[in-house]
């Protein structure tokens, strides 16, 4: 009787059939063609709508930081700003050129989700279904905008894939690959350490605990530390600004940030297909075949509780949700193969998921339609793309030669940096106290006139100058509410103290 009949995997070497004893589900060949079709379709869709509205405020900020390279900034590591600079150098200083890395990241999500599905026994159908995660709501959102989460979702998926290979195949050398990806990921966000903490807590809670007694996972910290040490040194030498920023974000979001972590589970891939992630969570917790990676299910639940408790940003755990979706794709695809009647309903759900995700995440609607439907107000990513060139022209109408310009946030600063020169506002007169922009300079004591925008506390602002008047207001030209819409533009004279004394009052984290 063939060895396969007894549950062994086999392969032929020089005419001999050998039993392969590595653990875990049976792995199929990789479905290159259908997965590539999904990835390319998603990337083509993203490129098609990449520049319909405009820059996101974070992109304008990264564009500025990219011209001031450093080992780190007070609010983030250097990876995304440096990649922004590289993308502009290669593809041009345009919205579409800047967003190419985000588009590639969305395509990578399709491949990585398919590979995770393959590790858990998924065949062609399951891998294709897993790749469809790239057409989900949050993946399209962060594939459209080039922000830190665009790369973070790829990093978390890569860490999970290599950890799956280490655990399911019982091939611990893959922990070295995990460490390497973590080291690279530290240049994008330190949040990847949360993934490791969740996995470690899961291993302690549900096992297999023997993994933690092996030297391989600890050996994986070697490449992580070696590659990521500049970021850690920056944090130590600058008094851990990541903790300061975390506190500022928590204060800014309040309790709402924590509560949103739960609905964002269903928004990651899209509500119509979110049940697949639920299936994946149950499978990884209950399926005996996946017992070696049960820690991912337990780790996700522990991570969700932590993120809710500290009111963290609700999309921080999306990488784990994508992993669970990929795991759930295997039994869902198997069920669809066995039940023809369910295929039509599932096809309808898939189409509905893609349509709603595209409508929510991408600028497919005209701005006049956005005025009526208010989707851009519900999706801050879209809302923050609207109106920047017009805002700059309105600030320029108040600007006087010889004045400095002070902005309350990095979006306004970045927009003036990008469009101000065309309106006669040189970069040299721009100042902001928000986050890393504080490091770019202090206004000279000789500056007696300032155009100030983005500071809402009028009484506080008026106390900093001998005279201050509102000379204009920001208006995108559309009835779409946003952080900038309706803000006053002030012309202020006579700072009450020299700028080197006064400027610390303008510094803030958020």
Protein backbone atom coordinates (compact mmCIF):
# COMPACT_ATOMS: atom_id res chain seq x y z
CA UNK A 1 0.00 0.00 0.00
CA UNK A 2 1.38 3.50 -0.82
CA UNK A 3 2.86 5.45 2.05
CA UNK A 4 0.41 8.28 1.39
CA UNK A 5 -2.42 5.96 2.45
CA UNK A 6 -0.98 5.95 5.98
CA UNK A 7 -0.91 9.75 6.14
CA UNK A 8 2.73 10.23 5.12
CA UNK A 9 3.73 12.78 2.52
CA UNK A 10 6.00 11.42 -0.12
CA UNK A 11 8.49 12.62 -2.66
CA UNK A 12 10.62 10.78 -5.17
CA UNK A 13 14.41 11.06 -5.05
CA UNK A 14 16.48 9.16 -7.65
CA UNK A 15 13.69 6.66 -8.19
CA UNK A 16 13.03 6.01 -4.50
CA UNK A 17 9.82 7.08 -2.76
CA UNK A 18 10.61 8.65 0.59
CA UNK A 19 8.30 9.51 3.48
CA UNK A 20 8.47 13.17 4.43
CA UNK A 21 7.83 13.63 8.15
CA UNK A 22 7.52 17.42 8.49
CA UNK A 23 4.41 18.37 10.43
CA UNK A 24 1.40 20.47 9.54
CA UNK A 25 -1.28 20.40 6.84
CA UNK A 26 -0.61 19.09 3.36
CA UNK A 27 0.80 21.93 1.25
CA UNK A 28 -0.21 22.30 -2.38
CA UNK A 29 1.60 24.04 -5.18
CA UNK A 30 1.38 27.81 -5.28
CA UNK A 31 -1.41 29.17 -7.51
CA UNK A 32 0.75 31.73 -9.30
CA UNK A 33 -1.67 32.56 -12.13
CA UNK A 34 -4.92 33.32 -10.27
CA UNK A 35 -3.12 35.00 -7.37
CA UNK A 36 -1.16 37.18 -9.81
CA UNK A 37 -4.38 38.10 -11.62
CA UNK A 38 -5.89 39.27 -8.33
CA UNK A 39 -2.75 41.18 -7.33
CA UNK A 40 -2.40 42.89 -10.71
CA UNK A 41 -6.10 43.78 -10.84
CA UNK A 42 -5.88 45.41 -7.41
CA UNK A 43 -2.73 47.33 -8.33
CA UNK A 44 -4.23 48.50 -11.63
CA UNK A 45 -7.34 49.72 -9.78
CA UNK A 46 -5.21 51.62 -7.26
CA UNK A 47 -3.11 53.26 -9.96
CA UNK A 48 -6.24 54.24 -11.86
CA UNK A 49 -7.56 56.32 -8.94
CA UNK A 50 -4.23 57.24 -7.35
CA UNK A 51 -4.34 60.95 -8.15
CA UNK A 52 -8.03 61.78 -8.48
CA UNK A 53 -8.30 63.93 -5.33
CA UNK A 54 -4.86 64.85 -4.02
CA UNK A 55 -2.23 64.23 -1.38
CA UNK A 56 -3.19 62.94 2.05
CA UNK A 57 -1.93 65.08 4.94
CA UNK A 58 0.44 62.29 6.09
CA UNK A 59 1.93 62.03 2.60
CA UNK A 60 2.61 65.76 2.57
CA UNK A 61 4.33 65.35 5.93
CA UNK A 62 6.46 62.40 4.77
CA UNK A 63 7.41 64.38 1.68
CA UNK A 64 8.88 67.05 3.96
CA UNK A 65 10.63 64.62 6.32
CA UNK A 66 12.12 62.73 3.39
CA UNK A 67 14.21 65.78 2.55
CA UNK A 68 15.58 65.77 6.11
CA UNK A 69 16.86 62.19 6.52
CA UNK A 70 17.58 60.99 10.05
CA UNK A 71 17.83 57.72 11.98
CA UNK A 72 14.46 58.52 13.48
CA UNK A 73 11.89 61.20 14.18
CA UNK A 74 9.98 61.96 17.34
CA UNK A 75 6.82 60.34 15.98
CA UNK A 76 8.14 57.50 13.81
CA UNK A 77 11.14 55.64 12.39
CA UNK A 78 12.69 56.83 9.11
CA UNK A 79 11.42 54.14 6.72
CA UNK A 80 8.29 55.68 5.22
CA UNK A 81 9.73 59.21 4.77
CA UNK A 82 12.84 57.80 3.07
CA UNK A 83 10.77 55.56 0.79
CA UNK A 84 8.61 58.58 -0.04
CA UNK A 85 11.71 60.45 -1.10
CA UNK A 86 12.92 57.46 -3.17
CA UNK A 87 9.56 57.01 -4.86
CA UNK A 88 9.42 60.70 -5.80
CA UNK A 89 12.96 60.48 -7.19
CA UNK A 90 12.09 57.47 -9.35
CA UNK A 91 8.46 58.08 -10.33
CA UNK A 92 8.17 61.86 -10.11
CA UNK A 93 6.99 64.46 -7.61
CA UNK A 94 3.31 63.74 -8.19
CA UNK A 95 0.55 62.15 -6.14
CA UNK A 96 0.69 58.98 -8.24
CA UNK A 97 4.49 58.84 -8.16
CA UNK A 98 4.56 59.12 -4.39
CA UNK A 99 1.98 56.34 -3.97
CA UNK A 100 3.70 53.62 -6.00
CA UNK A 101 5.10 51.87 -2.87
CA UNK A 102 1.59 51.68 -1.40
CA UNK A 103 0.28 50.12 -4.61
CA UNK A 104 3.07 47.52 -4.53
CA UNK A 105 2.32 46.83 -0.88
CA UNK A 106 -1.32 46.03 -1.70
CA UNK A 107 -0.15 43.62 -4.40
CA UNK A 108 2.21 41.99 -1.89
CA UNK A 109 -0.73 41.47 0.49
CA UNK A 110 -2.42 39.30 -2.14
CA UNK A 111 0.65 37.05 -2.48
CA UNK A 112 1.33 36.83 1.25
CA UNK A 113 -2.26 35.98 2.15
CA UNK A 114 -2.22 33.27 -0.53
CA UNK A 115 1.03 31.87 0.90
CA UNK A 116 -0.43 31.79 4.41
CA UNK A 117 -3.46 29.91 3.05
CA UNK A 118 -1.09 27.47 1.32
CA UNK A 119 0.74 26.83 4.60
CA UNK A 120 -2.55 25.80 6.21
CA UNK A 121 -3.49 23.37 3.46
CA UNK A 122 -5.16 25.65 0.94
CA UNK A 123 -5.21 24.72 -2.71
CA UNK A 124 -5.79 26.83 -5.78
CA UNK A 125 -9.27 28.01 -4.76
CA UNK A 126 -8.32 28.83 -1.18
CA UNK A 127 -5.20 30.70 -2.25
CA UNK A 128 -7.19 32.76 -4.74
CA UNK A 129 -9.82 33.52 -2.13
CA UNK A 130 -7.11 34.49 0.36
CA UNK A 131 -5.53 36.80 -2.23
CA UNK A 132 -8.88 38.57 -2.54
CA UNK A 133 -8.13 40.13 0.86
CA UNK A 134 -6.17 42.72 -1.16
CA UNK A 135 -9.49 44.03 -2.48
CA UNK A 136 -10.80 44.53 1.05
CA UNK A 137 -11.64 47.87 2.63
CA UNK A 138 -8.56 48.61 4.71
CA UNK A 139 -6.08 47.09 2.27
CA UNK A 140 -7.45 49.33 -0.49
CA UNK A 141 -7.37 52.29 1.90
CA UNK A 142 -3.69 51.79 2.73
CA UNK A 143 -2.87 50.75 -0.82
CA UNK A 144 -4.31 54.05 -2.01
CA UNK A 145 -2.42 56.20 0.54
CA UNK A 146 1.27 55.79 1.21
CA UNK A 147 1.38 55.88 4.99
CA UNK A 148 3.18 53.77 7.58
CA UNK A 149 0.35 51.21 7.71
CA UNK A 150 0.82 50.53 3.98
CA UNK A 151 4.10 48.79 4.77
CA UNK A 152 3.05 47.55 8.20
CA UNK A 153 0.41 45.21 6.80
CA UNK A 154 3.07 43.61 4.58
CA UNK A 155 5.54 43.28 7.45
CA UNK A 156 3.02 41.65 9.79
CA UNK A 157 1.94 39.18 7.10
CA UNK A 158 5.56 38.29 6.31
CA UNK A 159 6.33 37.71 10.00
CA UNK A 160 3.23 35.51 10.32
CA UNK A 161 4.08 33.53 7.19
CA UNK A 162 7.61 32.71 8.36
CA UNK A 163 6.37 31.90 11.88
CA UNK A 164 3.78 29.56 10.36
CA UNK A 165 6.55 27.83 8.45
CA UNK A 166 8.65 27.47 11.58
CA UNK A 167 5.77 26.05 13.61
CA UNK A 168 3.74 24.02 11.09
CA UNK A 169 6.72 22.54 9.26
CA UNK A 170 8.73 22.11 12.46
CA UNK A 171 11.57 23.90 10.69
CA UNK A 172 12.85 26.33 13.35
CA UNK A 173 15.40 27.97 11.05
CA UNK A 174 12.49 30.10 9.78
CA UNK A 175 12.73 32.06 13.06
CA UNK A 176 15.82 33.69 11.55
CA UNK A 177 13.65 34.94 8.71
CA UNK A 178 11.13 36.22 11.26
CA UNK A 179 13.90 38.16 13.00
CA UNK A 180 15.13 39.62 9.72
CA UNK A 181 11.68 40.90 8.77
CA UNK A 182 11.18 42.33 12.26
CA UNK A 183 14.50 44.18 11.99
CA UNK A 184 13.48 45.70 8.66
CA UNK A 185 10.01 46.42 10.02
CA UNK A 186 11.44 48.48 12.87
CA UNK A 187 12.41 51.10 10.27
CA UNK A 188 8.74 51.52 9.45
CA UNK A 189 6.97 51.18 12.81
CA UNK A 190 7.83 49.77 16.21
CA UNK A 191 4.38 48.16 16.29
CA UNK A 192 5.80 44.93 14.87
CA UNK A 193 7.08 44.30 18.40
CA UNK A 194 3.43 44.08 19.48
CA UNK A 195 2.97 41.19 17.06
CA UNK A 196 5.92 39.37 18.62
CA UNK A 197 4.59 40.06 22.10
CA UNK A 198 1.15 38.72 21.11
CA UNK A 199 2.68 35.59 19.60
CA UNK A 200 4.86 35.04 22.68
CA UNK A 201 1.88 35.49 25.01
CA UNK A 202 -0.11 33.08 22.86
CA UNK A 203 2.63 30.46 23.05
CA UNK A 204 2.69 30.79 26.83
CA UNK A 205 -1.08 30.55 27.02
CA UNK A 206 -1.86 27.69 24.63
CA UNK A 207 1.53 26.36 23.49
CA UNK A 208 3.47 24.74 22.14
CA UNK A 209 5.65 26.06 24.99
CA UNK A 210 8.59 23.94 23.89
CA UNK A 211 9.14 26.53 21.16
CA UNK A 212 10.12 29.07 23.79
CA UNK A 213 12.61 26.60 25.27
CA UNK A 214 14.32 26.21 21.90
CA UNK A 215 17.20 28.51 21.07
CA UNK A 216 15.96 29.19 17.51
CA UNK A 217 13.35 31.89 18.30
CA UNK A 218 15.89 33.64 20.51
CA UNK A 219 18.47 33.35 17.74
CA UNK A 220 15.98 35.22 15.57
CA UNK A 221 16.40 38.24 17.83
CA UNK A 222 19.97 38.47 16.51
CA UNK A 223 19.16 39.74 13.00
CA UNK A 224 16.26 41.78 14.41
CA UNK A 225 18.58 43.60 16.80
CA UNK A 226 21.42 43.87 14.31
CA UNK A 227 19.26 45.39 11.60
CA UNK A 228 17.02 47.48 13.85
CA UNK A 229 19.55 48.74 16.40
CA UNK A 230 19.73 52.31 14.99
CA UNK A 231 16.02 52.74 15.74
CA UNK A 232 16.41 51.42 19.26
CA UNK A 233 19.43 53.66 19.87
CA UNK A 234 17.40 56.64 18.63
CA UNK A 235 14.61 55.84 21.07
CA UNK A 236 17.00 55.52 24.02
CA UNK A 237 18.96 58.67 23.21
CA UNK A 238 15.77 60.71 22.69
CA UNK A 239 13.99 59.52 25.87
CA UNK A 240 11.61 57.11 24.08
CA UNK A 241 9.49 59.55 22.06
CA UNK A 242 7.38 56.59 20.92
CA UNK A 243 5.83 56.51 24.40
CA UNK A 244 5.17 60.25 24.32
CA UNK A 245 3.48 59.92 20.93
CA UNK A 246 1.42 56.94 22.09
CA UNK A 247 0.17 58.96 25.04
CA UNK A 248 -0.68 61.92 22.80
CA UNK A 249 -2.59 59.73 20.36
CA UNK A 250 -4.47 58.03 23.18
CA UNK A 251 -5.44 61.40 24.62
CA UNK A 252 -6.46 62.67 21.19
CA UNK A 253 -8.65 59.67 20.35
CA UNK A 254 -10.05 59.12 23.84
CA UNK A 255 -12.09 56.03 24.64
CA UNK A 256 -13.50 55.96 21.09
CA UNK A 257 -10.17 54.71 19.72
CA UNK A 258 -10.40 51.60 21.88
CA UNK A 259 -14.02 50.84 21.06
CA UNK A 260 -13.35 51.04 17.30
CA UNK A 261 -10.92 48.10 17.45
CA UNK A 262 -13.87 45.70 17.45
CA UNK A 263 -15.78 46.98 14.38
CA UNK A 264 -12.50 47.37 12.53
CA UNK A 265 -12.15 43.58 12.67
CA UNK A 266 -15.13 43.42 10.31
CA UNK A 267 -13.96 46.38 8.23
CA UNK A 268 -10.47 45.04 7.48
CA UNK A 269 -11.50 42.82 4.57
CA UNK A 270 -15.03 44.19 4.33
CA UNK A 271 -18.25 43.34 6.20
CA UNK A 272 -19.63 40.90 3.57
CA UNK A 273 -16.51 38.69 3.81
CA UNK A 274 -15.57 39.33 7.43
CA UNK A 275 -17.11 36.00 8.43
CA UNK A 276 -14.11 34.31 6.77
CA UNK A 277 -11.81 35.92 9.35
CA UNK A 278 -14.14 34.62 12.08
CA UNK A 279 -13.89 31.15 10.53
CA UNK A 280 -10.11 31.53 10.52
CA UNK A 281 -10.03 32.51 14.19
CA UNK A 282 -12.16 29.50 15.16
CA UNK A 283 -10.11 27.21 12.94
CA UNK A 284 -6.77 28.26 14.35
CA UNK A 285 -8.11 27.83 17.89
CA UNK A 286 -9.86 24.48 17.38
CA UNK A 287 -8.36 22.60 14.43
CA UNK A 288 -5.99 19.89 15.71
CA UNK A 289 -4.01 20.12 12.48
CA UNK A 290 -3.23 23.77 13.25
CA UNK A 291 -2.39 23.21 16.91
CA UNK A 292 1.23 24.41 16.41
CA UNK A 293 -0.09 27.89 15.42
CA UNK A 294 -2.93 28.08 17.93
CA UNK A 295 -0.92 30.83 19.60
CA UNK A 296 -1.90 33.17 16.75
CA UNK A 297 -5.58 32.91 17.68
CA UNK A 298 -4.95 33.37 21.38
CA UNK A 299 -2.42 36.11 20.66
CA UNK A 300 -4.89 38.03 18.52
CA UNK A 301 -7.54 37.95 21.25
CA UNK A 302 -5.02 39.15 23.83
CA UNK A 303 -3.84 41.87 21.45
CA UNK A 304 -7.41 43.00 20.83
CA UNK A 305 -8.06 43.34 24.56
CA UNK A 306 -4.84 45.34 24.97
CA UNK A 307 -5.59 47.69 22.07
CA UNK A 308 -9.10 48.33 23.38
CA UNK A 309 -7.76 48.97 26.88
CA UNK A 310 -5.17 51.54 25.78
CA UNK A 311 -7.45 53.16 23.16
CA UNK A 312 -4.98 52.39 20.36
CA UNK A 313 -5.61 53.15 16.70
CA UNK A 314 -8.21 50.63 15.48
CA UNK A 315 -6.23 49.53 12.43
CA UNK A 316 -3.12 48.47 14.37
CA UNK A 317 -4.15 44.79 14.40
CA UNK A 318 -5.24 44.58 10.77
CA UNK A 319 -2.22 42.43 9.89
CA UNK A 320 -3.40 39.74 12.29
CA UNK A 321 -6.94 39.94 10.89
CA UNK A 322 -5.55 39.35 7.39
CA UNK A 323 -3.74 36.26 8.68
CA UNK A 324 -6.98 34.91 10.18
CA UNK A 325 -8.82 35.65 6.93
CA UNK A 326 -6.20 33.68 4.98
CA UNK A 327 -6.52 30.74 7.39
CA UNK A 328 -10.32 30.86 7.12
CA UNK A 329 -10.17 30.87 3.33
CA UNK A 330 -9.19 27.20 3.32
CA UNK A 331 -12.37 25.66 4.83
CA UNK A 332 -14.56 28.26 3.09
CA UNK A 333 -13.07 27.38 -0.32
CA UNK A 334 -13.43 23.69 0.49
CA UNK A 335 -17.09 24.19 1.37
CA UNK A 336 -17.73 26.11 -1.84
CA UNK A 337 -16.14 23.30 -3.86
CA UNK A 338 -18.52 20.79 -2.26
CA UNK A 339 -21.70 22.89 -2.38
CA UNK A 340 -22.61 24.29 -5.76
CA UNK A 341 -25.70 26.06 -4.48
CA UNK A 342 -23.64 28.26 -2.22
CA UNK A 343 -21.35 29.50 -4.98
CA UNK A 344 -23.84 31.98 -6.45
CA UNK A 345 -24.52 33.51 -3.04
CA UNK A 346 -20.80 33.71 -2.31
CA UNK A 347 -20.11 35.31 -5.70
CA UNK A 348 -22.73 37.93 -4.83
CA UNK A 349 -21.07 38.54 -1.45
CA UNK A 350 -17.66 38.86 -3.11
CA UNK A 351 -18.92 41.39 -5.66
CA UNK A 352 -20.74 43.33 -2.93
CA UNK A 353 -17.57 43.33 -0.82
CA UNK A 354 -15.43 44.68 -3.65
CA UNK A 355 -17.97 47.36 -4.64
CA UNK A 356 -18.48 48.63 -1.09
CA UNK A 357 -14.75 48.53 -0.35
CA UNK A 358 -13.91 50.48 -3.50
CA UNK A 359 -16.63 53.05 -2.84
CA UNK A 360 -15.46 53.57 0.75
CA UNK A 361 -11.69 53.46 0.27
CA UNK A 362 -11.02 54.98 -3.16
CA UNK A 363 -11.90 58.35 -4.72
CA UNK A 364 -14.24 56.85 -7.32
CA UNK A 365 -16.96 59.45 -6.69
CA UNK A 366 -16.81 63.04 -7.83
CA UNK A 367 -16.43 65.65 -5.12
CA UNK A 368 -19.94 66.89 -5.87
CA UNK A 369 -21.22 63.36 -5.15
CA UNK A 370 -19.16 63.30 -1.96
CA UNK A 371 -21.00 66.44 -0.85
CA UNK A 372 -24.29 64.54 -1.06
CA UNK A 373 -23.21 61.13 0.27
CA UNK A 374 -20.70 62.28 2.95
CA UNK A 375 -18.49 59.20 2.45
CA UNK A 376 -15.35 61.33 2.58
CA UNK A 377 -16.42 62.55 6.00
CA UNK A 378 -16.82 58.97 7.24
CA UNK A 379 -13.46 57.96 5.77
CA UNK A 380 -10.86 60.37 7.11
CA UNK A 381 -8.37 59.06 4.56
CA UNK A 382 -10.41 60.47 1.69
CA UNK A 383 -11.39 63.64 3.56
CA UNK A 384 -7.76 64.50 4.20
CA UNK A 385 -7.02 64.46 0.45
CA UNK A 386 -9.37 67.29 -0.44
CA UNK A 387 -8.60 70.98 -0.88
CA UNK A 388 -4.87 71.42 -0.22
CA UNK A 389 -3.97 73.56 -3.29
CA UNK A 390 -6.98 75.78 -2.64
CA UNK A 391 -6.08 76.15 1.04
CA UNK A 392 -2.58 77.27 0.07
CA UNK A 393 -3.96 79.94 -2.26
CA UNK A 394 -6.16 81.24 0.57
CA UNK A 395 -3.19 81.39 2.96
CA UNK A 396 -1.17 83.15 0.25
CA UNK A 397 -3.88 85.83 0.01
CA UNK A 398 -3.12 86.76 3.63
CA UNK A 399 0.67 86.39 3.40
CA UNK A 400 2.86 89.48 3.29
CA UNK A 401 6.50 89.54 2.11
CA UNK A 402 8.80 89.42 5.11
CA UNK A 403 6.29 87.52 7.26
CA UNK A 404 6.72 83.99 8.55
CA UNK A 405 4.00 81.34 8.30
CA UNK A 406 3.15 79.18 11.32
CA UNK A 407 0.92 76.13 10.91
CA UNK A 408 -0.81 74.17 13.62
CA UNK A 409 -0.39 70.81 11.91
CA UNK A 410 1.84 69.01 9.46
CA UNK A 411 -0.82 68.78 6.75
CA UNK A 412 -0.94 72.55 6.38
CA UNK A 413 2.85 72.77 6.57
CA UNK A 414 3.27 70.04 3.95
CA UNK A 415 0.75 71.66 1.60
CA UNK A 416 2.57 75.01 1.84
CA UNK A 417 5.87 73.20 1.28
CA UNK A 418 4.44 71.56 -1.88
CA UNK A 419 2.40 74.42 -3.38
CA UNK A 420 3.53 77.58 -1.58
CA UNK A 421 6.39 78.56 -3.89
CA UNK A 422 3.98 78.97 -6.79
CA UNK A 423 2.11 81.55 -4.68
CA UNK A 424 5.18 83.42 -3.50
CA UNK A 425 5.59 81.68 -0.14
CA UNK A 426 9.16 80.30 0.13
CA UNK A 427 9.90 77.22 2.21
CA UNK A 428 12.31 79.20 4.35
CA UNK A 429 9.46 81.08 6.08
CA UNK A 430 7.50 77.95 7.09
CA UNK A 431 7.38 76.84 10.73
CA UNK A 432 5.34 74.37 12.74
CA UNK A 433 5.64 73.01 16.26
CA UNK A 434 3.89 69.71 15.59
CA UNK A 435 5.83 66.47 16.05
CA UNK A 436 9.04 66.25 14.01
CA UNK A 437 8.53 69.63 12.34
CA UNK A 438 9.74 71.24 15.55
CA UNK A 439 13.24 70.06 14.68
CA UNK A 440 13.32 71.98 11.39
CA UNK A 441 13.88 75.36 12.97
CA UNK A 442 12.75 78.17 15.28
CA UNK A 443 11.45 81.47 13.88
CA UNK A 444 14.11 84.21 13.97
CA UNK A 445 13.73 86.87 16.64
CA UNK A 446 13.69 89.44 13.85
CA UNK A 447 10.33 88.14 12.57
CA UNK A 448 7.63 90.62 13.68
CA UNK A 449 4.75 89.50 11.45
CA UNK A 450 3.30 85.99 11.21
CA UNK A 451 0.54 84.35 9.22
CA UNK A 452 -0.93 81.71 11.53
CA UNK A 453 -3.24 78.90 10.46
CA UNK A 454 -4.49 75.75 12.13
CA UNK A 455 -4.55 76.96 15.74
CA UNK A 456 -8.08 76.82 17.09
CA UNK A 457 -7.57 78.37 20.53
CA UNK A 458 -8.13 82.00 19.57
CA UNK A 459 -7.66 83.41 23.09
CA UNK A 460 -4.34 81.59 23.50
CA UNK A 461 -3.13 82.75 20.10
CA UNK A 462 -4.07 86.39 20.71
CA UNK A 463 -2.10 86.30 23.97
CA UNK A 464 1.11 85.56 22.03
CA UNK A 465 0.98 88.72 19.89
CA UNK A 466 0.36 92.43 20.40
CA UNK A 467 -2.15 92.35 17.53
CA UNK A 468 -3.88 89.49 15.73
CA UNK A 469 -6.74 89.56 13.20
CA UNK A 470 -8.56 86.91 11.20
CA UNK A 471 -7.99 87.82 7.55
CA UNK A 472 -9.47 84.76 5.85
CA UNK A 473 -10.82 81.24 6.23
CA UNK A 474 -9.93 77.93 4.63
CA UNK A 475 -12.58 76.63 2.26
CA UNK A 476 -12.14 73.65 -0.05
CA UNK A 477 -15.04 74.86 -2.19
CA UNK A 478 -17.12 71.82 -1.26
CA UNK A 479 -19.54 71.17 1.59
CA UNK A 480 -17.35 68.42 2.97
CA UNK A 481 -16.40 68.65 6.62
CA UNK A 482 -12.72 68.14 7.43
CA UNK A 483 -10.09 69.18 9.92
CA UNK A 484 -9.15 72.24 7.82
CA UNK A 485 -12.53 73.34 6.53
CA UNK A 486 -13.55 76.72 7.99
CA UNK A 487 -10.34 77.35 9.94
CA UNK A 488 -9.32 80.98 10.28
CA UNK A 489 -6.14 82.40 8.78
CA UNK A 490 -4.69 85.04 11.10
CA UNK A 491 -2.32 87.90 10.41
CA UNK A 492 -0.46 88.63 13.64
CA UNK A 493 2.04 91.35 14.56
CA UNK A 494 4.42 91.90 17.45
CA UNK A 495 5.20 88.65 19.26
CA UNK A 496 5.09 89.37 23.01
CA UNK A 497 8.48 87.73 23.58
CA UNK A 498 11.49 86.91 21.41
CA UNK A 499 10.80 83.84 19.30
CA UNK A 500 13.47 81.72 20.99
CA UNK A 501 11.50 82.19 24.24
CA UNK A 502 8.02 82.08 22.74
CA UNK A 503 8.44 79.13 20.37
CA UNK A 504 8.29 76.32 22.98
CA UNK A 505 4.65 77.29 23.58
CA UNK A 506 3.86 76.28 19.99
CA UNK A 507 5.34 72.78 20.31
CA UNK A 508 2.94 69.88 20.58
CA UNK A 509 2.53 66.16 19.84
CA UNK A 510 -0.57 64.75 18.18
